[in-house]
Amino acid sequence: MRKERLVQIEEYISGNGFVTMEQIMDKFDIAMPTVRKDISELASQGLIEKVYGGAKAVVAPSKNMHMFKNRRGVHMEAKNAIASKAAELVDDGDVIYIDSGTTAAAIIEYLTGRHVTVITSNMAAVMASAEMNNIDVYVLGGKFNRDTMSVDHADSEAIMKEFNVDKAFMAATGYSIEGGLAQDSPTECDIKKHVIRKATDTFLIIDSSKIGKKALIRYAEPDAIKTIITDGQVDRKYKDYFKKNSINVI
């Protein structure tokens, strides 16, 4: 529980540049002594800088890689289970889109025995496929985003129009009825919108900790993707919503 909170606090500070102790206390609903302890822990690892009244982000490549690895470690069992389920839906010869995120990248590990063409902006997925001769990889060009270990591109529609995508495995920072499918990174949203329109079949891969959570920018309505692959621990409110809107949950 604390490990997950530390990752979230680190991301919160990195996303805002500077936050006060009070903001962290309110955001994560924790007591001030806990805030001080968590900030001291992150500062000791060199992930943030402790300053008077709060904390500020440290911008360094090693820090961004550490953040990505930490996110991979949170809910690892659930993420691996979701990635395995997603890979079962991929047929030999498919052209698939792998979205950004640690869960999406993990799909690559389960694609043995099938020849698959992967289109992606996810650099972790690219690295995972490096020694898999059964996978052909097309990497979307653009600016490398160290925070998400993915590539951002301003003209994503022009890139994607050349590809025919059989199946797209999409990620989201948060999924809620009120906020839809949402992402904290504004530069990722355009490519997500284009992929959803382009793909024959689209799947949302998301661990249950993100269901019911809002993120900064909505990139699709909550019923835009009709198949959700998750770890199954979903609140009754969302089970009812999925049933009402003919959303299949795997």
C-alpha atoms as a PDB file:
ATOM      1  CA  MET A   1       0.000   0.000   0.000  1.00  0.00           C
ATOM      2  CA  ARG A   2       2.760   2.460   0.918  1.00  0.00           C
ATOM      3  CA  LYS A   3       4.791   1.487  -2.138  1.00  0.00           C
ATOM      4  CA  GLU A   4       1.869   2.363  -4.386  1.00  0.00           C
ATOM      5  CA  ARG A   5       1.282   5.646  -2.549  1.00  0.00           C
ATOM      6  CA  LEU A   6       4.950   6.630  -2.926  1.00  0.00           C
ATOM      7  CA  VAL A   7       4.742   6.058  -6.680  1.00  0.00           C
ATOM      8  CA  GLN A   8       1.571   8.165  -6.867  1.00  0.00           C
ATOM      9  CA  ILE A   9       3.075  10.981  -4.778  1.00  0.00           C
ATOM     10  CA  GLU A  10       6.204  10.968  -6.955  1.00  0.00           C
ATOM     11  CA  GLU A  11       4.092  11.197 -10.111  1.00  0.00           C
ATOM     12  CA  TYR A  12       1.959  13.962  -8.554  1.00  0.00           C
ATOM     13  CA  ILE A  13       5.039  16.040  -7.746  1.00  0.00           C
ATOM     14  CA  SER A  14       6.590  15.376 -11.157  1.00  0.00           C
ATOM     15  CA  GLY A  15       3.382  16.358 -12.915  1.00  0.00           C
ATOM     16  CA  ASN A  16       3.066  19.647 -11.042  1.00  0.00           C
ATOM     17  CA  GLY A  17       6.701  20.646 -10.653  1.00  0.00           C
ATOM     18  CA  PHE A  18       6.185  21.820  -7.086  1.00  0.00           C
ATOM     19  CA  VAL A  19       3.576  20.918  -4.460  1.00  0.00           C
ATOM     20  CA  THR A  20       3.157  21.909  -0.828  1.00  0.00           C
ATOM     21  CA  MET A  21       2.981  19.490   2.075  1.00  0.00           C
ATOM     22  CA  GLU A  22      -0.662  20.510   2.577  1.00  0.00           C
ATOM     23  CA  GLN A  23      -1.527  19.688  -1.034  1.00  0.00           C
ATOM     24  CA  ILE A  24      -0.067  16.208  -0.655  1.00  0.00           C
ATOM     25  CA  MET A  25      -1.914  15.723   2.624  1.00  0.00           C
ATOM     26  CA  ASP A  26      -5.247  16.691   1.012  1.00  0.00           C
ATOM     27  CA  LYS A  27      -4.636  14.839  -2.263  1.00  0.00           C
ATOM     28  CA  PHE A  28      -3.800  11.508  -0.646  1.00  0.00           C
ATOM     29  CA  ASP A  29      -5.847  11.903   2.545  1.00  0.00           C
ATOM     30  CA  ILE A  30      -2.905  11.204   4.837  1.00  0.00           C
ATOM     31  CA  ALA A  31      -1.674  12.870   8.028  1.00  0.00           C
ATOM     32  CA  MET A  32       1.122  15.424   7.975  1.00  0.00           C
ATOM     33  CA  PRO A  33       3.643  13.134   9.768  1.00  0.00           C
ATOM     34  CA  THR A  34       3.041  10.542   7.024  1.00  0.00           C
ATOM     35  CA  VAL A  35       3.536  13.211   4.356  1.00  0.00           C
ATOM     36  CA  ARG A  36       6.882  14.196   5.866  1.00  0.00           C
ATOM     37  CA  LYS A  37       7.970  10.554   6.090  1.00  0.00           C
ATOM     38  CA  ASP A  38       7.006   9.835   2.479  1.00  0.00           C
ATOM     39  CA  ILE A  39       8.685  12.989   1.159  1.00  0.00           C
ATOM     40  CA  SER A  40      11.852  12.171   3.062  1.00  0.00           C
ATOM     41  CA  GLU A  41      11.844   8.645   1.606  1.00  0.00           C
ATOM     42  CA  LEU A  42      11.443   9.895  -1.984  1.00  0.00           C
ATOM     43  CA  ALA A  43      14.089  12.564  -1.447  1.00  0.00           C
ATOM     44  CA  SER A  44      16.554  10.002  -0.068  1.00  0.00           C
ATOM     45  CA  GLN A  45      16.163   8.015  -3.305  1.00  0.00           C
ATOM     46  CA  GLY A  46      16.849  11.128  -5.367  1.00  0.00           C
ATOM     47  CA  LEU A  47      13.416  10.992  -6.994  1.00  0.00           C
ATOM     48  CA  ILE A  48      12.233  14.408  -5.752  1.00  0.00           C
ATOM     49  CA  GLU A  49      13.837  17.368  -4.003  1.00  0.00           C
ATOM     50  CA  LYS A  50      12.633  18.331  -0.549  1.00  0.00           C
ATOM     51  CA  VAL A  51      12.316  22.115  -0.217  1.00  0.00           C
ATOM     52  CA  TYR A  52      10.899  24.510   2.348  1.00  0.00           C
ATOM     53  CA  GLY A  53       7.158  23.929   2.661  1.00  0.00           C
ATOM     54  CA  GLY A  54       6.935  21.147   0.108  1.00  0.00           C
ATOM     55  CA  ALA A  55       8.721  19.214  -2.621  1.00  0.00           C
ATOM     56  CA  LYS A  56       9.705  19.761  -6.241  1.00  0.00           C
ATOM     57  CA  ALA A  57      10.391  17.512  -9.185  1.00  0.00           C
ATOM     58  CA  VAL A  58      13.832  16.330 -10.178  1.00  0.00           C
ATOM     59  CA  VAL A  59      14.242  16.095 -13.932  1.00  0.00           C
ATOM     60  CA  ALA A  60      16.752  13.413 -14.839  1.00  0.00           C
ATOM     61  CA  PRO A  61      16.683  10.400 -17.215  1.00  0.00           C
ATOM     62  CA  SER A  62      17.472   7.967 -14.407  1.00  0.00           C
ATOM     63  CA  LYS A  63      14.609   9.314 -12.366  1.00  0.00           C
ATOM     64  CA  ASN A  64      12.149   8.877 -15.249  1.00  0.00           C
ATOM     65  CA  MET A  65      13.272   5.297 -15.850  1.00  0.00           C
ATOM     66  CA  HIS A  66      12.904   4.603 -12.136  1.00  0.00           C
ATOM     67  CA  MET A  67       9.353   5.972 -12.244  1.00  0.00           C
ATOM     68  CA  PHE A  68       8.468   3.685 -15.157  1.00  0.00           C
ATOM     69  CA  LYS A  69       9.932   0.644 -13.398  1.00  0.00           C
ATOM     70  CA  ASN A  70       8.045   1.535 -10.228  1.00  0.00           C
ATOM     71  CA  ARG A  71       4.771   1.729 -12.135  1.00  0.00           C
ATOM     72  CA  ARG A  72       5.513  -1.698 -13.622  1.00  0.00           C
ATOM     73  CA  GLY A  73       5.965  -3.038 -10.092  1.00  0.00           C
ATOM     74  CA  VAL A  74       2.628  -1.753  -8.765  1.00  0.00           C
ATOM     75  CA  HIS A  75      -0.172  -4.326  -9.175  1.00  0.00           C
ATOM     76  CA  MET A  76       2.284  -6.536 -11.079  1.00  0.00           C
ATOM     77  CA  GLU A  77       0.301  -9.751 -10.647  1.00  0.00           C
ATOM     78  CA  ALA A  78      -2.871  -8.107 -11.950  1.00  0.00           C
ATOM     79  CA  LYS A  79      -1.035  -6.478 -14.858  1.00  0.00           C
ATOM     80  CA  ASN A  80       0.546  -9.765 -15.925  1.00  0.00           C
ATOM     81  CA  ALA A  81      -2.816 -11.522 -15.748  1.00  0.00           C
ATOM     82  CA  ILE A  82      -4.420  -8.789 -17.869  1.00  0.00           C
ATOM     83  CA  ALA A  83      -1.584  -8.896 -20.411  1.00  0.00           C
ATOM     84  CA  SER A  84      -1.905 -12.674 -20.674  1.00  0.00           C
ATOM     85  CA  LYS A  85      -5.670 -12.420 -21.280  1.00  0.00           C
ATOM     86  CA  ALA A  86      -5.102  -9.770 -23.944  1.00  0.00           C
ATOM     87  CA  ALA A  87      -2.506 -11.881 -25.747  1.00  0.00           C
ATOM     88  CA  GLU A  88      -4.982 -14.769 -25.975  1.00  0.00           C
ATOM     89  CA  LEU A  89      -7.125 -12.573 -28.245  1.00  0.00           C
ATOM     90  CA  VAL A  90      -4.311 -12.115 -30.774  1.00  0.00           C
ATOM     91  CA  ASP A  91      -4.365 -14.453 -33.768  1.00  0.00           C
ATOM     92  CA  ASP A  92      -1.512 -15.448 -36.037  1.00  0.00           C
ATOM     93  CA  GLY A  93      -1.058 -12.784 -38.703  1.00  0.00           C
ATOM     94  CA  ASP A  94      -2.798 -10.006 -36.777  1.00  0.00           C
ATOM     95  CA  VAL A  95      -1.747  -6.378 -36.973  1.00  0.00           C
ATOM     96  CA  ILE A  96      -2.116  -4.971 -33.463  1.00  0.00           C
ATOM     97  CA  TYR A  97      -1.633  -1.601 -31.820  1.00  0.00           C
ATOM     98  CA  ILE A  98       0.054  -1.593 -28.403  1.00  0.00           C
ATOM     99  CA  ASP A  99      -0.714   1.575 -26.454  1.00  0.00           C
ATOM    100  CA  SER A 100       1.545   3.282 -23.918  1.00  0.00           C
ATOM    101  CA  GLY A 101       1.814   1.950 -20.370  1.00  0.00           C
ATOM    102  CA  THR A 102       3.334  -0.923 -18.468  1.00  0.00           C
ATOM    103  CA  THR A 103       0.385  -3.315 -18.822  1.00  0.00           C
ATOM    104  CA  ALA A 104       0.271  -2.834 -22.595  1.00  0.00           C
ATOM    105  CA  ALA A 105       3.994  -3.466 -22.922  1.00  0.00           C
ATOM    106  CA  ALA A 106       3.650  -6.714 -20.991  1.00  0.00           C
ATOM    107  CA  ILE A 107       1.440  -8.175 -23.756  1.00  0.00           C
ATOM    108  CA  ILE A 108       4.552  -8.689 -25.886  1.00  0.00           C
ATOM    109  CA  GLU A 109       5.857 -11.339 -23.483  1.00  0.00           C
ATOM    110  CA  TYR A 110       2.825 -13.552 -24.168  1.00  0.00           C
ATOM    111  CA  LEU A 111       2.870 -13.460 -27.974  1.00  0.00           C
ATOM    112  CA  THR A 112       5.145 -16.453 -28.508  1.00  0.00           C
ATOM    113  CA  GLY A 113       4.279 -18.906 -31.272  1.00  0.00           C
ATOM    114  CA  ARG A 114       2.424 -16.417 -33.485  1.00  0.00           C
ATOM    115  CA  HIS A 115       3.637 -14.094 -36.206  1.00  0.00           C
ATOM    116  CA  VAL A 116       2.291 -10.670 -35.284  1.00  0.00           C
ATOM    117  CA  THR A 117       2.817  -7.143 -36.587  1.00  0.00           C
ATOM    118  CA  VAL A 118       2.936  -4.578 -33.801  1.00  0.00           C
ATOM    119  CA  ILE A 119       2.408  -0.848 -34.234  1.00  0.00           C
ATOM    120  CA  THR A 120       3.310   1.123 -31.144  1.00  0.00           C
ATOM    121  CA  SER A 121       4.629   4.286 -29.538  1.00  0.00           C
ATOM    122  CA  ASN A 122       5.522   2.299 -26.408  1.00  0.00           C
ATOM    123  CA  MET A 123       9.301   2.030 -26.126  1.00  0.00           C
ATOM    124  CA  ALA A 124       9.063  -0.652 -23.428  1.00  0.00           C
ATOM    125  CA  ALA A 125       7.079  -2.780 -25.898  1.00  0.00           C
ATOM    126  CA  VAL A 126       9.731  -2.174 -28.557  1.00  0.00           C
ATOM    127  CA  MET A 127      12.496  -3.317 -26.218  1.00  0.00           C
ATOM    128  CA  ALA A 128      10.501  -6.378 -25.129  1.00  0.00           C
ATOM    129  CA  SER A 129      10.133  -7.483 -28.759  1.00  0.00           C
ATOM    130  CA  ALA A 130      13.812  -6.990 -29.658  1.00  0.00           C
ATOM    131  CA  GLU A 131      14.683 -10.696 -29.479  1.00  0.00           C
ATOM    132  CA  MET A 132      11.327 -12.074 -30.644  1.00  0.00           C
ATOM    133  CA  ASN A 133      11.715 -12.957 -34.302  1.00  0.00           C
ATOM    134  CA  ASN A 134       8.003 -13.693 -34.644  1.00  0.00           C
ATOM    135  CA  ILE A 135       7.119 -10.020 -34.133  1.00  0.00           C
ATOM    136  CA  ASP A 136       7.525  -7.238 -36.709  1.00  0.00           C
ATOM    137  CA  VAL A 137       7.476  -3.808 -35.077  1.00  0.00           C
ATOM    138  CA  TYR A 138       6.580  -0.416 -36.524  1.00  0.00           C
ATOM    139  CA  VAL A 139       7.422   2.456 -34.189  1.00  0.00           C
ATOM    140  CA  LEU A 140       5.507   5.716 -34.463  1.00  0.00           C
ATOM    141  CA  GLY A 141       7.902   8.627 -34.856  1.00  0.00           C
ATOM    142  CA  GLY A 142       8.000  11.732 -32.723  1.00  0.00           C
ATOM    143  CA  LYS A 143       9.391  13.113 -29.496  1.00  0.00           C
ATOM    144  CA  PHE A 144      10.438  10.667 -26.794  1.00  0.00           C
ATOM    145  CA  ASN A 145       8.491  11.164 -23.551  1.00  0.00           C
ATOM    146  CA  ARG A 146      10.668   9.943 -20.675  1.00  0.00           C
ATOM    147  CA  ASP A 147       7.839  10.040 -18.144  1.00  0.00           C
ATOM    148  CA  THR A 148       5.722   7.517 -20.051  1.00  0.00           C
ATOM    149  CA  MET A 149       8.531   5.771 -21.971  1.00  0.00           C
ATOM    150  CA  SER A 150       6.593   6.413 -25.163  1.00  0.00           C
ATOM    151  CA  VAL A 151       6.706   8.582 -28.286  1.00  0.00           C
ATOM    152  CA  ASP A 152       4.499  11.623 -28.710  1.00  0.00           C
ATOM    153  CA  HIS A 153       3.613  12.932 -32.168  1.00  0.00           C
ATOM    154  CA  ALA A 154       1.654  16.033 -33.146  1.00  0.00           C
ATOM    155  CA  ASP A 155       0.516  14.605 -36.503  1.00  0.00           C
ATOM    156  CA  SER A 156      -0.639  11.199 -35.345  1.00  0.00           C
ATOM    157  CA  GLU A 157      -3.580  11.044 -37.770  1.00  0.00           C
ATOM    158  CA  ALA A 158      -1.255  11.308 -40.777  1.00  0.00           C
ATOM    159  CA  ILE A 159       0.857   8.463 -39.419  1.00  0.00           C
ATOM    160  CA  MET A 160      -1.993   6.129 -38.522  1.00  0.00           C
ATOM    161  CA  LYS A 161      -3.932   6.540 -41.777  1.00  0.00           C
ATOM    162  CA  GLU A 162      -1.399   4.322 -43.553  1.00  0.00           C
ATOM    163  CA  PHE A 163      -1.969   1.338 -41.253  1.00  0.00           C
ATOM    164  CA  ASN A 164      -4.803  -1.177 -41.109  1.00  0.00           C
ATOM    165  CA  VAL A 165      -5.140  -2.291 -37.498  1.00  0.00           C
ATOM    166  CA  ASP A 166      -6.936  -5.514 -36.608  1.00  0.00           C
ATOM    167  CA  LYS A 167      -6.854  -5.119 -32.823  1.00  0.00           C
ATOM    168  CA  ALA A 168      -5.890  -2.210 -30.599  1.00  0.00           C
ATOM    169  CA  PHE A 169      -5.039  -2.635 -26.939  1.00  0.00           C
ATOM    170  CA  MET A 170      -5.623   0.719 -25.299  1.00  0.00           C
ATOM    171  CA  ALA A 171      -4.548   2.019 -21.890  1.00  0.00           C
ATOM    172  CA  ALA A 172      -5.926   4.708 -19.589  1.00  0.00           C
ATOM    173  CA  THR A 173      -4.682   6.452 -16.476  1.00  0.00           C
ATOM    174  CA  GLY A 174      -8.255   6.497 -15.233  1.00  0.00           C
ATOM    175  CA  TYR A 175     -11.665   5.159 -16.219  1.00  0.00           C
ATOM    176  CA  SER A 176     -14.875   6.579 -14.819  1.00  0.00           C
ATOM    177  CA  ILE A 177     -18.480   7.027 -15.859  1.00  0.00           C
ATOM    178  CA  GLU A 178     -18.152  10.771 -15.295  1.00  0.00           C
ATOM    179  CA  GLY A 179     -14.689  11.265 -16.777  1.00  0.00           C
ATOM    180  CA  GLY A 180     -14.590   8.587 -19.466  1.00  0.00           C
ATOM    181  CA  LEU A 181     -11.352   7.033 -20.674  1.00  0.00           C
ATOM    182  CA  ALA A 182      -8.761   9.550 -19.565  1.00  0.00           C
ATOM    183  CA  GLN A 183      -5.042  10.190 -19.580  1.00  0.00           C
ATOM    184  CA  ASP A 184      -2.772  12.534 -17.627  1.00  0.00           C
ATOM    185  CA  SER A 185      -0.513  13.185 -20.619  1.00  0.00           C
ATOM    186  CA  PRO A 186      -2.176  15.612 -23.093  1.00  0.00           C
ATOM    187  CA  THR A 187       0.207  14.709 -25.918  1.00  0.00           C
ATOM    188  CA  GLU A 188      -0.902  11.064 -25.899  1.00  0.00           C
ATOM    189  CA  CYS A 189      -4.605  11.729 -26.346  1.00  0.00           C
ATOM    190  CA  ASP A 190      -4.649  12.506 -30.084  1.00  0.00           C
ATOM    191  CA  ILE A 191      -3.014   9.230 -31.073  1.00  0.00           C
ATOM    192  CA  LYS A 192      -5.425   7.305 -28.834  1.00  0.00           C
ATOM    193  CA  LYS A 193      -8.434   8.933 -30.495  1.00  0.00           C
ATOM    194  CA  HIS A 194      -7.156   8.072 -33.982  1.00  0.00           C
ATOM    195  CA  VAL A 195      -6.366   4.480 -33.084  1.00  0.00           C
ATOM    196  CA  ILE A 196      -9.845   3.883 -31.652  1.00  0.00           C
ATOM    197  CA  ARG A 197     -11.391   5.103 -34.912  1.00  0.00           C
ATOM    198  CA  LYS A 198      -8.981   3.084 -37.050  1.00  0.00           C
ATOM    199  CA  ALA A 199      -8.931  -0.353 -35.402  1.00  0.00           C
ATOM    200  CA  THR A 200     -11.366  -3.109 -36.333  1.00  0.00           C
ATOM    201  CA  ASP A 201     -11.542  -4.294 -32.705  1.00  0.00           C
ATOM    202  CA  THR A 202     -10.534  -2.250 -29.674  1.00  0.00           C
ATOM    203  CA  PHE A 203      -9.845  -3.441 -26.137  1.00  0.00           C
ATOM    204  CA  LEU A 204      -9.261  -1.442 -22.977  1.00  0.00           C
ATOM    205  CA  ILE A 205      -6.623  -3.038 -20.769  1.00  0.00           C
ATOM    206  CA  ILE A 206      -6.782  -1.631 -17.270  1.00  0.00           C
ATOM    207  CA  ASP A 207      -6.271  -2.904 -13.731  1.00  0.00           C
ATOM    208  CA  SER A 208      -9.237  -2.456 -11.399  1.00  0.00           C
ATOM    209  CA  SER A 209      -7.442   0.140  -9.244  1.00  0.00           C
ATOM    210  CA  LYS A 210      -7.961   2.641 -12.105  1.00  0.00           C
ATOM    211  CA  ILE A 211     -11.675   1.929 -12.583  1.00  0.00           C
ATOM    212  CA  GLY A 212     -13.664   4.684 -10.897  1.00  0.00           C
ATOM    213  CA  LYS A 213     -10.686   7.059 -11.011  1.00  0.00           C
ATOM    214  CA  LYS A 214     -10.559  10.277 -13.030  1.00  0.00           C
ATOM    215  CA  ALA A 215      -7.541  11.514 -14.964  1.00  0.00           C
ATOM    216  CA  LEU A 216      -6.721  14.866 -16.519  1.00  0.00           C
ATOM    217  CA  ILE A 217      -7.947  14.592 -20.122  1.00  0.00           C
ATOM    218  CA  ARG A 218     -10.794  12.502 -21.550  1.00  0.00           C
ATOM    219  CA  TYR A 219      -9.885  10.834 -24.830  1.00  0.00           C
ATOM    220  CA  ALA A 220     -13.055   8.724 -25.246  1.00  0.00           C
ATOM    221  CA  GLU A 221     -16.489   8.239 -23.753  1.00  0.00           C
ATOM    222  CA  PRO A 222     -16.794   5.480 -21.128  1.00  0.00           C
ATOM    223  CA  ASP A 223     -18.760   3.260 -23.530  1.00  0.00           C
ATOM    224  CA  ALA A 224     -16.518   3.879 -26.566  1.00  0.00           C
ATOM    225  CA  ILE A 225     -14.671   0.575 -26.098  1.00  0.00           C
ATOM    226  CA  LYS A 226     -16.953  -2.427 -25.780  1.00  0.00           C
ATOM    227  CA  THR A 227     -14.462  -4.927 -24.340  1.00  0.00           C
ATOM    228  CA  ILE A 228     -12.548  -4.298 -21.134  1.00  0.00           C
ATOM    229  CA  ILE A 229      -9.783  -6.608 -19.947  1.00  0.00           C
ATOM    230  CA  THR A 230      -9.212  -6.238 -16.215  1.00  0.00           C
ATOM    231  CA  ASP A 231      -8.447  -8.268 -13.106  1.00  0.00           C
ATOM    232  CA  GLY A 232     -12.134  -8.692 -12.282  1.00  0.00           C
ATOM    233  CA  GLN A 233     -12.375  -6.827  -8.984  1.00  0.00           C
ATOM    234  CA  VAL A 234     -14.894  -4.237 -10.136  1.00  0.00           C
ATOM    235  CA  ASP A 235     -17.408  -2.326  -7.980  1.00  0.00           C
ATOM    236  CA  ARG A 236     -21.108  -3.100  -8.369  1.00  0.00           C
ATOM    237  CA  LYS A 237     -21.735   0.395  -9.809  1.00  0.00           C
ATOM    238  CA  TYR A 238     -19.455  -0.384 -12.743  1.00  0.00           C
ATOM    239  CA  LYS A 239     -20.698  -3.928 -13.195  1.00  0.00           C
ATOM    240  CA  ASP A 240     -24.195  -2.472 -13.618  1.00  0.00           C
ATOM    241  CA  TYR A 241     -22.909   0.182 -16.024  1.00  0.00           C
ATOM    242  CA  PHE A 242     -21.096  -2.392 -18.142  1.00  0.00           C
ATOM    243  CA  LYS A 243     -24.184  -4.586 -18.357  1.00  0.00           C
ATOM    244  CA  LYS A 244     -26.449  -1.654 -19.234  1.00  0.00           C
ATOM    245  CA  ASN A 245     -24.119  -0.472 -22.013  1.00  0.00           C
ATOM    246  CA  SER A 246     -23.305  -3.923 -23.444  1.00  0.00           C
ATOM    247  CA  ILE A 247     -19.653  -3.743 -22.414  1.00  0.00           C
ATOM    248  CA  ASN A 248     -18.009  -7.128 -22.199  1.00  0.00           C
ATOM    249  CA  VAL A 249     -15.586  -7.607 -19.300  1.00  0.00           C
ATOM    250  CA  ILE A 250     -12.898 -10.269 -19.598  1.00  0.00           C
END
